[in-house]
Amino acid sequence: MRTQSMDTSPEAERVQIELIRKASPAKRFTLLEAWSQFLIEANKQGIRKNRPGLSEEEVGLIFVANNYSQALADQLREDLSRRKR
């Protein structure tokens, strides 16, 4: 069996999958939520690394543009600008 991750052995992956299957829906949701937050923050860290000096607002807008759409990021930028006035 080929694993989903290059750095995980087939046996370790089998154990991980079995633990996930046995987990309650609440536990699965908690794991998914934590993983999602980790990936979002890792993505933002990459933006910060590639473009130092940006405000957190700009980092967030670039994240939205990269992951959702430039149109949504532009709408969000306009809304944030209106709120600041």
PDB file of N, CA and C in Angstrom:
ATOM      1  N   MET A   1       0.837  -1.192   0.000  1.00  0.00           N
ATOM      2  CA  MET A   1       0.000   0.000   0.000  1.00  0.00           C
ATOM      3  C   MET A   1       0.877   1.249   0.000  1.00  0.00           C
ATOM      4  N   ARG A   2       0.556   2.178  -0.863  1.00  0.00           N
ATOM      5  CA  ARG A   2       1.273   3.455  -0.932  1.00  0.00           C
ATOM      6  C   ARG A   2       0.668   4.401   0.100  1.00  0.00           C
ATOM      7  N   THR A   3       1.509   5.071   0.876  1.00  0.00           N
ATOM      8  CA  THR A   3       1.002   5.985   1.900  1.00  0.00           C
ATOM      9  C   THR A   3       0.654   7.337   1.287  1.00  0.00           C
ATOM     10  N   GLN A   4      -0.129   8.098   2.025  1.00  0.00           N
ATOM     11  CA  GLN A   4      -0.514   9.448   1.594  1.00  0.00           C
ATOM     12  C   GLN A   4       0.616  10.446   1.826  1.00  0.00           C
ATOM     13  N   SER A   5       1.522  10.128   2.712  1.00  0.00           N
ATOM     14  CA  SER A   5       2.619  11.028   3.057  1.00  0.00           C
ATOM     15  C   SER A   5       3.949  10.313   2.863  1.00  0.00           C
ATOM     16  N   MET A   6       4.899  11.018   2.255  1.00  0.00           N
ATOM     17  CA  MET A   6       6.206  10.412   1.988  1.00  0.00           C
ATOM     18  C   MET A   6       6.973  10.073   3.265  1.00  0.00           C
ATOM     19  N   ASP A   7       6.676  10.791   4.371  1.00  0.00           N
ATOM     20  CA  ASP A   7       7.446  10.566   5.591  1.00  0.00           C
ATOM     21  C   ASP A   7       6.704   9.703   6.620  1.00  0.00           C
ATOM     22  N   THR A   8       5.680   8.971   6.173  1.00  0.00           N
ATOM     23  CA  THR A   8       4.917   8.107   7.070  1.00  0.00           C
ATOM     24  C   THR A   8       4.970   6.673   6.557  1.00  0.00           C
ATOM     25  N   SER A   9       5.289   5.755   7.454  1.00  0.00           N
ATOM     26  CA  SER A   9       5.336   4.346   7.050  1.00  0.00           C
ATOM     27  C   SER A   9       3.913   3.831   6.842  1.00  0.00           C
ATOM     28  N   PRO A  10       3.762   2.793   6.021  1.00  0.00           N
ATOM     29  CA  PRO A  10       2.423   2.219   5.820  1.00  0.00           C
ATOM     30  C   PRO A  10       1.764   1.785   7.131  1.00  0.00           C
ATOM     31  N   GLU A  11       2.533   1.199   8.036  1.00  0.00           N
ATOM     32  CA  GLU A  11       1.961   0.747   9.313  1.00  0.00           C
ATOM     33  C   GLU A  11       1.496   1.938  10.152  1.00  0.00           C
ATOM     34  N   ALA A  12       2.303   2.980  10.221  1.00  0.00           N
ATOM     35  CA  ALA A  12       1.902   4.169  10.985  1.00  0.00           C
ATOM     36  C   ALA A  12       0.643   4.780  10.386  1.00  0.00           C
ATOM     37  N   GLU A  13       0.561   4.816   9.071  1.00  0.00           N
ATOM     38  CA  GLU A  13      -0.629   5.374   8.428  1.00  0.00           C
ATOM     39  C   GLU A  13      -1.861   4.514   8.717  1.00  0.00           C
ATOM     40  N   ARG A  14      -1.711   3.209   8.711  1.00  0.00           N
ATOM     41  CA  ARG A  14      -2.836   2.330   9.038  1.00  0.00           C
ATOM     42  C   ARG A  14      -3.352   2.622  10.455  1.00  0.00           C
ATOM     43  N   VAL A  15      -2.429   2.797  11.395  1.00  0.00           N
ATOM     44  CA  VAL A  15      -2.811   3.104  12.777  1.00  0.00           C
ATOM     45  C   VAL A  15      -3.526   4.452  12.828  1.00  0.00           C
ATOM     46  N   GLN A  16      -2.991   5.455  12.136  1.00  0.00           N
ATOM     47  CA  GLN A  16      -3.622   6.784  12.128  1.00  0.00           C
ATOM     48  C   GLN A  16      -5.046   6.711  11.565  1.00  0.00           C
ATOM     49  N   ILE A  17      -5.211   6.024  10.467  1.00  0.00           N
ATOM     50  CA  ILE A  17      -6.536   5.904   9.854  1.00  0.00           C
ATOM     51  C   ILE A  17      -7.498   5.186  10.786  1.00  0.00           C
ATOM     52  N   GLU A  18      -7.041   4.148  11.429  1.00  0.00           N
ATOM     53  CA  GLU A  18      -7.905   3.416  12.361  1.00  0.00           C
ATOM     54  C   GLU A  18      -8.309   4.299  13.537  1.00  0.00           C
ATOM     55  N   LEU A  19      -7.394   5.093  14.055  1.00  0.00           N
ATOM     56  CA  LEU A  19      -7.738   6.007  15.157  1.00  0.00           C
ATOM     57  C   LEU A  19      -8.772   7.038  14.717  1.00  0.00           C
ATOM     58  N   ILE A  20      -8.628   7.534  13.509  1.00  0.00           N
ATOM     59  CA  ILE A  20      -9.602   8.500  12.992  1.00  0.00           C
ATOM     60  C   ILE A  20     -10.968   7.840  12.831  1.00  0.00           C
ATOM     61  N   ARG A  21     -10.988   6.620  12.317  1.00  0.00           N
ATOM     62  CA  ARG A  21     -12.258   5.906  12.139  1.00  0.00           C
ATOM     63  C   ARG A  21     -12.967   5.667  13.469  1.00  0.00           C
ATOM     64  N   LYS A  22     -12.204   5.418  14.500  1.00  0.00           N
ATOM     65  CA  LYS A  22     -12.785   5.143  15.813  1.00  0.00           C
ATOM     66  C   LYS A  22     -13.179   6.412  16.567  1.00  0.00           C
ATOM     67  N   ALA A  23     -12.685   7.546  16.130  1.00  0.00           N
ATOM     68  CA  ALA A  23     -12.946   8.806  16.833  1.00  0.00           C
ATOM     69  C   ALA A  23     -14.407   9.227  16.669  1.00  0.00           C
ATOM     70  N   SER A  24     -14.898   9.906  17.676  1.00  0.00           N
ATOM     71  CA  SER A  24     -16.269  10.426  17.615  1.00  0.00           C
ATOM     72  C   SER A  24     -16.332  11.554  16.587  1.00  0.00           C
ATOM     73  N   PRO A  25     -17.526  11.869  16.128  1.00  0.00           N
ATOM     74  CA  PRO A  25     -17.658  13.005  15.207  1.00  0.00           C
ATOM     75  C   PRO A  25     -17.101  14.304  15.804  1.00  0.00           C
ATOM     76  N   ALA A  26     -17.311  14.520  17.094  1.00  0.00           N
ATOM     77  CA  ALA A  26     -16.795  15.729  17.738  1.00  0.00           C
ATOM     78  C   ALA A  26     -15.263  15.759  17.697  1.00  0.00           C
ATOM     79  N   LYS A  27     -14.658  14.617  17.953  1.00  0.00           N
ATOM     80  CA  LYS A  27     -13.189  14.536  17.926  1.00  0.00           C
ATOM     81  C   LYS A  27     -12.674  14.761  16.501  1.00  0.00           C
ATOM     82  N   ARG A  28     -13.350  14.175  15.516  1.00  0.00           N
ATOM     83  CA  ARG A  28     -12.943  14.371  14.125  1.00  0.00           C
ATOM     84  C   ARG A  28     -13.032  15.840  13.743  1.00  0.00           C
ATOM     85  N   PHE A  29     -14.116  16.493  14.168  1.00  0.00           N
ATOM     86  CA  PHE A  29     -14.269  17.910  13.864  1.00  0.00           C
ATOM     87  C   PHE A  29     -13.151  18.723  14.515  1.00  0.00           C
ATOM     88  N   THR A  30     -12.829  18.408  15.763  1.00  0.00           N
ATOM     89  CA  THR A  30     -11.753  19.111  16.465  1.00  0.00           C
ATOM     90  C   THR A  30     -10.425  18.950  15.732  1.00  0.00           C
ATOM     91  N   LEU A  31     -10.138  17.738  15.260  1.00  0.00           N
ATOM     92  CA  LEU A  31      -8.905  17.493  14.508  1.00  0.00           C
ATOM     93  C   LEU A  31      -8.888  18.274  13.201  1.00  0.00           C
ATOM     94  N   LEU A  32     -10.008  18.265  12.501  1.00  0.00           N
ATOM     95  CA  LEU A  32     -10.106  18.981  11.237  1.00  0.00           C
ATOM     96  C   LEU A  32      -9.957  20.478  11.447  1.00  0.00           C
ATOM     97  N   GLU A  33     -10.583  21.001  12.478  1.00  0.00           N
ATOM     98  CA  GLU A  33     -10.493  22.421  12.783  1.00  0.00           C
ATOM     99  C   GLU A  33      -9.043  22.821  13.097  1.00  0.00           C
ATOM    100  N   ALA A  34      -8.371  22.021  13.910  1.00  0.00           N
ATOM    101  CA  ALA A  34      -6.979  22.315  14.259  1.00  0.00           C
ATOM    102  C   ALA A  34      -6.087  22.254  13.026  1.00  0.00           C
ATOM    103  N   TRP A  35      -6.282  21.272  12.179  1.00  0.00           N
ATOM    104  CA  TRP A  35      -5.484  21.142  10.954  1.00  0.00           C
ATOM    105  C   TRP A  35      -5.732  22.329  10.027  1.00  0.00           C
ATOM    106  N   SER A  36      -6.987  22.736   9.905  1.00  0.00           N
ATOM    107  CA  SER A  36      -7.312  23.887   9.060  1.00  0.00           C
ATOM    108  C   SER A  36      -6.621  25.149   9.569  1.00  0.00           C
ATOM    109  N   GLN A  37      -6.681  25.380  10.875  1.00  0.00           N
ATOM    110  CA  GLN A  37      -6.022  26.557  11.457  1.00  0.00           C
ATOM    111  C   GLN A  37      -4.515  26.512  11.220  1.00  0.00           C
ATOM    112  N   PHE A  38      -3.936  25.330  11.354  1.00  0.00           N
ATOM    113  CA  PHE A  38      -2.503  25.175  11.102  1.00  0.00           C
ATOM    114  C   PHE A  38      -2.160  25.540   9.662  1.00  0.00           C
ATOM    115  N   LEU A  39      -2.950  25.052   8.716  1.00  0.00           N
ATOM    116  CA  LEU A  39      -2.678  25.320   7.301  1.00  0.00           C
ATOM    117  C   LEU A  39      -2.872  26.793   6.953  1.00  0.00           C
ATOM    118  N   ILE A  40      -3.887  27.417   7.518  1.00  0.00           N
ATOM    119  CA  ILE A  40      -4.098  28.848   7.285  1.00  0.00           C
ATOM    120  C   ILE A  40      -2.908  29.637   7.799  1.00  0.00           C
ATOM    121  N   GLU A  41      -2.476  29.339   9.016  1.00  0.00           N
ATOM    122  CA  GLU A  41      -1.345  30.079   9.595  1.00  0.00           C
ATOM    123  C   GLU A  41      -0.054  29.816   8.824  1.00  0.00           C
ATOM    124  N   ALA A  42       0.161  28.584   8.382  1.00  0.00           N
ATOM    125  CA  ALA A  42       1.354  28.281   7.582  1.00  0.00           C
ATOM    126  C   ALA A  42       1.336  29.066   6.275  1.00  0.00           C
ATOM    127  N   ASN A  43       0.173  29.170   5.663  1.00  0.00           N
ATOM    128  CA  ASN A  43       0.031  29.934   4.430  1.00  0.00           C
ATOM    129  C   ASN A  43       0.350  31.401   4.682  1.00  0.00           C
ATOM    130  N   LYS A  44      -0.183  31.957   5.757  1.00  0.00           N
ATOM    131  CA  LYS A  44       0.091  33.359   6.095  1.00  0.00           C
ATOM    132  C   LYS A  44       1.568  33.574   6.427  1.00  0.00           C
ATOM    133  N   GLN A  45       2.181  32.612   7.083  1.00  0.00           N
ATOM    134  CA  GLN A  45       3.620  32.729   7.374  1.00  0.00           C
ATOM    135  C   GLN A  45       4.421  32.807   6.080  1.00  0.00           C
ATOM    136  N   GLY A  46       4.025  32.020   5.086  1.00  0.00           N
ATOM    137  CA  GLY A  46       4.691  32.077   3.785  1.00  0.00           C
ATOM    138  C   GLY A  46       4.540  33.441   3.141  1.00  0.00           C
ATOM    139  N   ILE A  47       3.364  34.032   3.258  1.00  0.00           N
ATOM    140  CA  ILE A  47       3.147  35.374   2.717  1.00  0.00           C
ATOM    141  C   ILE A  47       4.049  36.374   3.435  1.00  0.00           C
ATOM    142  N   ARG A  48       4.078  36.291   4.772  1.00  0.00           N
ATOM    143  CA  ARG A  48       4.930  37.204   5.555  1.00  0.00           C
ATOM    144  C   ARG A  48       6.404  37.052   5.177  1.00  0.00           C
ATOM    145  N   LYS A  49       6.840  35.823   4.971  1.00  0.00           N
ATOM    146  CA  LYS A  49       8.239  35.565   4.621  1.00  0.00           C
ATOM    147  C   LYS A  49       8.584  36.142   3.250  1.00  0.00           C
ATOM    148  N   ASN A  50       7.675  35.959   2.289  1.00  0.00           N
ATOM    149  CA  ASN A  50       7.935  36.434   0.933  1.00  0.00           C
ATOM    150  C   ASN A  50       7.745  37.932   0.768  1.00  0.00           C
ATOM    151  N   ARG A  51       6.969  38.532   1.654  1.00  0.00           N
ATOM    152  CA  ARG A  51       6.689  39.964   1.546  1.00  0.00           C
ATOM    153  C   ARG A  51       6.775  40.610   2.918  1.00  0.00           C
ATOM    154  N   PRO A  52       7.980  40.727   3.453  1.00  0.00           N
ATOM    155  CA  PRO A  52       8.136  41.299   4.793  1.00  0.00           C
ATOM    156  C   PRO A  52       7.663  42.757   4.823  1.00  0.00           C
ATOM    157  N   GLY A  53       7.196  43.167   5.980  1.00  0.00           N
ATOM    158  CA  GLY A  53       6.774  44.550   6.144  1.00  0.00           C
ATOM    159  C   GLY A  53       5.299  44.788   5.899  1.00  0.00           C
ATOM    160  N   LEU A  54       4.563  43.778   5.445  1.00  0.00           N
ATOM    161  CA  LEU A  54       3.125  43.945   5.230  1.00  0.00           C
ATOM    162  C   LEU A  54       2.396  43.971   6.569  1.00  0.00           C
ATOM    163  N   SER A  55       1.318  44.725   6.615  1.00  0.00           N
ATOM    164  CA  SER A  55       0.468  44.705   7.804  1.00  0.00           C
ATOM    165  C   SER A  55      -0.290  43.382   7.840  1.00  0.00           C
ATOM    166  N   GLU A  56      -0.828  43.063   9.009  1.00  0.00           N
ATOM    167  CA  GLU A  56      -1.622  41.836   9.128  1.00  0.00           C
ATOM    168  C   GLU A  56      -2.854  41.908   8.234  1.00  0.00           C
ATOM    169  N   GLU A  57      -3.390  43.110   8.066  1.00  0.00           N
ATOM    170  CA  GLU A  57      -4.538  43.274   7.169  1.00  0.00           C
ATOM    171  C   GLU A  57      -4.157  42.908   5.742  1.00  0.00           C
ATOM    172  N   GLU A  58      -3.008  43.384   5.282  1.00  0.00           N
ATOM    173  CA  GLU A  58      -2.555  43.066   3.922  1.00  0.00           C
ATOM    174  C   GLU A  58      -2.253  41.581   3.767  1.00  0.00           C
ATOM    175  N   VAL A  59      -1.652  40.988   4.781  1.00  0.00           N
ATOM    176  CA  VAL A  59      -1.396  39.546   4.744  1.00  0.00           C
ATOM    177  C   VAL A  59      -2.723  38.800   4.594  1.00  0.00           C
ATOM    178  N   GLY A  60      -3.717  39.211   5.369  1.00  0.00           N
ATOM    179  CA  GLY A  60      -5.025  38.578   5.290  1.00  0.00           C
ATOM    180  C   GLY A  60      -5.681  38.749   3.929  1.00  0.00           C
ATOM    181  N   LEU A  61      -5.545  39.929   3.343  1.00  0.00           N
ATOM    182  CA  LEU A  61      -6.129  40.170   2.025  1.00  0.00           C
ATOM    183  C   LEU A  61      -5.438  39.338   0.946  1.00  0.00           C
ATOM    184  N   ILE A  62      -4.133  39.197   1.032  1.00  0.00           N
ATOM    185  CA  ILE A  62      -3.415  38.350   0.075  1.00  0.00           C
ATOM    186  C   ILE A  62      -3.840  36.897   0.251  1.00  0.00           C
ATOM    187  N   PHE A  63      -4.000  36.470   1.499  1.00  0.00           N
ATOM    188  CA  PHE A  63      -4.476  35.112   1.760  1.00  0.00           C
ATOM    189  C   PHE A  63      -5.829  34.887   1.097  1.00  0.00           C
ATOM    190  N   VAL A  64      -6.751  35.823   1.271  1.00  0.00           N
ATOM    191  CA  VAL A  64      -8.081  35.695   0.671  1.00  0.00           C
ATOM    192  C   VAL A  64      -7.973  35.644  -0.848  1.00  0.00           C
ATOM    193  N   ALA A  65      -7.163  36.530  -1.433  1.00  0.00           N
ATOM    194  CA  ALA A  65      -6.995  36.551  -2.892  1.00  0.00           C
ATOM    195  C   ALA A  65      -6.427  35.221  -3.392  1.00  0.00           C
ATOM    196  N   ASN A  66      -5.430  34.699  -2.702  1.00  0.00           N
ATOM    197  CA  ASN A  66      -4.782  33.455  -3.135  1.00  0.00           C
ATOM    198  C   ASN A  66      -5.687  32.229  -2.992  1.00  0.00           C
ATOM    199  N   ASN A  67      -6.535  32.228  -1.976  1.00  0.00           N
ATOM    200  CA  ASN A  67      -7.301  31.026  -1.666  1.00  0.00           C
ATOM    201  C   ASN A  67      -8.775  31.073  -2.055  1.00  0.00           C
ATOM    202  N   TYR A  68      -9.274  32.252  -2.303  1.00  0.00           N
ATOM    203  CA  TYR A  68     -10.692  32.376  -2.647  1.00  0.00           C
ATOM    204  C   TYR A  68     -10.838  33.084  -3.999  1.00  0.00           C
ATOM    205  N   SER A  69     -10.503  34.368  -4.052  1.00  0.00           N
ATOM    206  CA  SER A  69     -10.492  35.078  -5.335  1.00  0.00           C
ATOM    207  C   SER A  69     -10.041  36.505  -5.109  1.00  0.00           C
ATOM    208  N   GLN A  70      -9.487  37.088  -6.154  1.00  0.00           N
ATOM    209  CA  GLN A  70      -9.087  38.488  -6.082  1.00  0.00           C
ATOM    210  C   GLN A  70     -10.317  39.369  -5.917  1.00  0.00           C
ATOM    211  N   ALA A  71     -11.415  39.002  -6.575  1.00  0.00           N
ATOM    212  CA  ALA A  71     -12.646  39.792  -6.470  1.00  0.00           C
ATOM    213  C   ALA A  71     -13.119  39.858  -5.016  1.00  0.00           C
ATOM    214  N   LEU A  72     -13.088  38.737  -4.316  1.00  0.00           N
ATOM    215  CA  LEU A  72     -13.499  38.726  -2.915  1.00  0.00           C
ATOM    216  C   LEU A  72     -12.548  39.574  -2.078  1.00  0.00           C
ATOM    217  N   ALA A  73     -11.248  39.467  -2.324  1.00  0.00           N
ATOM    218  CA  ALA A  73     -10.272  40.269  -1.593  1.00  0.00           C
ATOM    219  C   ALA A  73     -10.503  41.758  -1.843  1.00  0.00           C
ATOM    220  N   ASP A  74     -10.831  42.124  -3.078  1.00  0.00           N
ATOM    221  CA  ASP A  74     -11.099  43.532  -3.400  1.00  0.00           C
ATOM    222  C   ASP A  74     -12.344  44.034  -2.671  1.00  0.00           C
ATOM    223  N   GLN A  75     -13.386  43.207  -2.626  1.00  0.00           N
ATOM    224  CA  GLN A  75     -14.606  43.582  -1.898  1.00  0.00           C
ATOM    225  C   GLN A  75     -14.323  43.736  -0.408  1.00  0.00           C
ATOM    226  N   LEU A  76     -13.530  42.835   0.119  1.00  0.00           N
ATOM    227  CA  LEU A  76     -13.160  42.891   1.529  1.00  0.00           C
ATOM    228  C   LEU A  76     -12.347  44.147   1.813  1.00  0.00           C
ATOM    229  N   ARG A  77     -11.407  44.481   0.930  1.00  0.00           N
ATOM    230  CA  ARG A  77     -10.594  45.690   1.087  1.00  0.00           C
ATOM    231  C   ARG A  77     -11.495  46.934   1.122  1.00  0.00           C
ATOM    232  N   GLU A  78     -12.477  46.998   0.221  1.00  0.00           N
ATOM    233  CA  GLU A  78     -13.410  48.130   0.192  1.00  0.00           C
ATOM    234  C   GLU A  78     -14.209  48.216   1.490  1.00  0.00           C
ATOM    235  N   ASP A  79     -14.696  47.082   1.957  1.00  0.00           N
ATOM    236  CA  ASP A  79     -15.465  47.063   3.196  1.00  0.00           C
ATOM    237  C   ASP A  79     -14.610  47.516   4.382  1.00  0.00           C
ATOM    238  N   LEU A  80     -13.394  47.035   4.459  1.00  0.00           N
ATOM    239  CA  LEU A  80     -12.496  47.445   5.545  1.00  0.00           C
ATOM    240  C   LEU A  80     -12.205  48.936   5.481  1.00  0.00           C
ATOM    241  N   SER A  81     -12.035  49.450   4.278  1.00  0.00           N
ATOM    242  CA  SER A  81     -11.787  50.877   4.096  1.00  0.00           C
ATOM    243  C   SER A  81     -12.989  51.705   4.567  1.00  0.00           C
ATOM    244  N   ARG A  82     -14.192  51.258   4.218  1.00  0.00           N
ATOM    245  CA  ARG A  82     -15.416  51.968   4.655  1.00  0.00           C
ATOM    246  C   ARG A  82     -15.524  51.949   6.174  1.00  0.00           C
ATOM    247  N   ARG A  83     -15.207  50.848   6.776  1.00  0.00           N
ATOM    248  CA  ARG A  83     -15.313  50.739   8.244  1.00  0.00           C
ATOM    249  C   ARG A  83     -14.327  51.658   8.959  1.00  0.00           C
ATOM    250  N   LYS A  84     -13.198  51.923   8.334  1.00  0.00           N
ATOM    251  CA  LYS A  84     -12.179  52.783   8.950  1.00  0.00           C
ATOM    252  C   LYS A  84     -12.567  54.250   8.910  1.00  0.00           C
ATOM    253  N   ARG A  85     -13.419  54.613   7.968  1.00  0.00           N
ATOM    254  CA  ARG A  85     -13.819  56.031   7.834  1.00  0.00           C
ATOM    255  C   ARG A  85     -14.761  56.462   8.897  1.00  0.00           C
TER     256      ARG A  85
END
